[in-house]
Protein backbone atom coordinates (compact mmCIF):
# COMPACT_ATOMS: atom_id res chain seq x y z
CA MET A 1 -11.85 0.18 17.05
CA ARG A 2 -8.65 -1.85 17.74
CA LEU A 3 -5.71 -1.35 16.03
CA ILE A 4 -3.38 -3.98 14.36
CA LYS A 5 0.25 -3.67 15.39
CA ALA A 6 3.07 -4.54 12.94
CA HIS A 7 6.67 -4.27 12.71
CA LYS A 8 8.21 -2.31 10.31
CA ASP A 9 11.69 -2.29 8.91
CA ASP A 10 12.87 -0.63 5.74
CA ARG A 11 11.78 -3.25 3.76
CA ARG A 12 9.03 -5.23 5.19
CA ILE A 13 5.57 -5.14 7.36
CA LEU A 14 5.31 -8.26 9.51
CA LEU A 15 2.32 -8.50 11.88
CA PRO A 16 1.01 -11.25 14.01
CA ILE A 17 -1.43 -13.75 12.84
CA ALA A 18 -3.46 -16.51 14.03
CA VAL A 19 -3.77 -19.80 11.90
CA LEU A 20 -6.74 -21.53 12.58
CA ALA A 21 -7.79 -25.15 10.78
CA SER A 22 -10.58 -25.04 8.74
CA ARG A 23 -12.18 -28.19 9.44
CA ASP A 24 -14.76 -26.83 12.48
CA PRO A 25 -15.93 -23.05 12.05
CA ALA A 26 -16.96 -23.47 15.75
CA ASP A 27 -13.43 -24.40 17.09
CA LEU A 28 -11.49 -20.79 17.48
CA THR A 29 -8.32 -22.89 18.58
CA PHE A 30 -5.30 -21.04 17.35
CA GLU A 31 -1.48 -20.66 16.94
CA MET A 32 0.20 -17.20 16.72
CA TYR A 33 2.43 -16.64 14.03
CA MET A 34 4.33 -13.59 12.20
CA ALA A 35 3.71 -13.04 8.87
CA LEU A 36 4.91 -10.96 5.57
CA LEU A 37 2.16 -8.22 4.83
CA ASP A 38 1.98 -8.34 0.78
CA THR A 39 -0.42 -5.80 -0.31
CA GLY A 40 0.22 -7.26 -3.79
CA ALA A 41 -0.78 -10.99 -2.94
CA THR A 42 -3.41 -13.18 -3.90
CA ALA A 43 -3.40 -15.68 -2.20
CA SER A 44 -2.06 -16.60 1.38
CA TRP A 45 0.75 -18.99 1.62
CA VAL A 46 1.97 -20.92 4.98
CA SER A 47 4.91 -22.82 5.60
CA ASN A 48 5.36 -26.69 5.52
CA ALA A 49 5.85 -26.76 9.25
CA ILE A 50 2.45 -25.10 9.71
CA VAL A 51 0.97 -27.84 6.72
CA ARG A 52 2.49 -30.60 9.12
CA ARG A 53 1.11 -28.86 12.50
CA PHE A 54 -2.23 -28.86 11.89
CA ASN A 55 -2.12 -31.58 9.52
CA LEU A 56 -3.40 -29.98 6.20
CA LYS A 57 -4.92 -31.91 3.30
CA PRO A 58 -3.69 -30.27 -0.10
CA ILE A 59 -7.08 -29.59 -2.11
CA GLY A 60 -4.89 -29.55 -5.56
CA GLN A 61 -1.97 -27.25 -6.86
CA ARG A 62 -1.62 -23.51 -8.20
CA PRO A 63 1.21 -21.47 -9.95
CA CYS A 64 3.08 -19.38 -7.42
CA VAL A 65 5.01 -16.71 -8.97
CA VAL A 66 8.31 -16.29 -7.76
CA ALA A 67 11.34 -13.54 -8.24
CA THR A 68 12.48 -16.13 -11.65
CA GLU A 69 10.20 -18.74 -12.00
CA ILE A 70 6.64 -20.09 -11.61
CA ARG A 71 6.35 -23.23 -9.40
CA GLN A 72 3.39 -25.35 -8.97
CA LEU A 73 2.34 -25.44 -5.13
CA SER A 74 -0.27 -27.52 -3.55
CA SER A 75 -3.12 -25.69 -2.18
CA TYR A 76 -4.95 -26.28 1.26
CA ILE A 77 -7.54 -24.91 2.90
CA PHE A 78 -7.07 -23.13 6.38
CA ARG A 79 -8.23 -20.32 8.31
CA LEU A 80 -6.27 -16.44 9.47
CA GLY A 81 -7.48 -13.92 11.93
CA LEU A 82 -5.58 -10.94 12.47
CA LEU A 83 -4.69 -10.01 16.42
């Protein structure tokens, strides 16, 4: 079984991921990014730069709880892969 290698410091775990557009499931073209591993997350979030890079279109909005407030953020469909 292949191991997933991550970088750990005192407060967080970062791991390499593949981001793929969702339009064609047969297209496995991806770009690699570093992601924060959040064991309590209920969704995956990407930066606006990734949204623009993959030309992702919003499918609606959903609430996102941040440190001091709840924000309504656009939702997108995309695929993530562990490297």
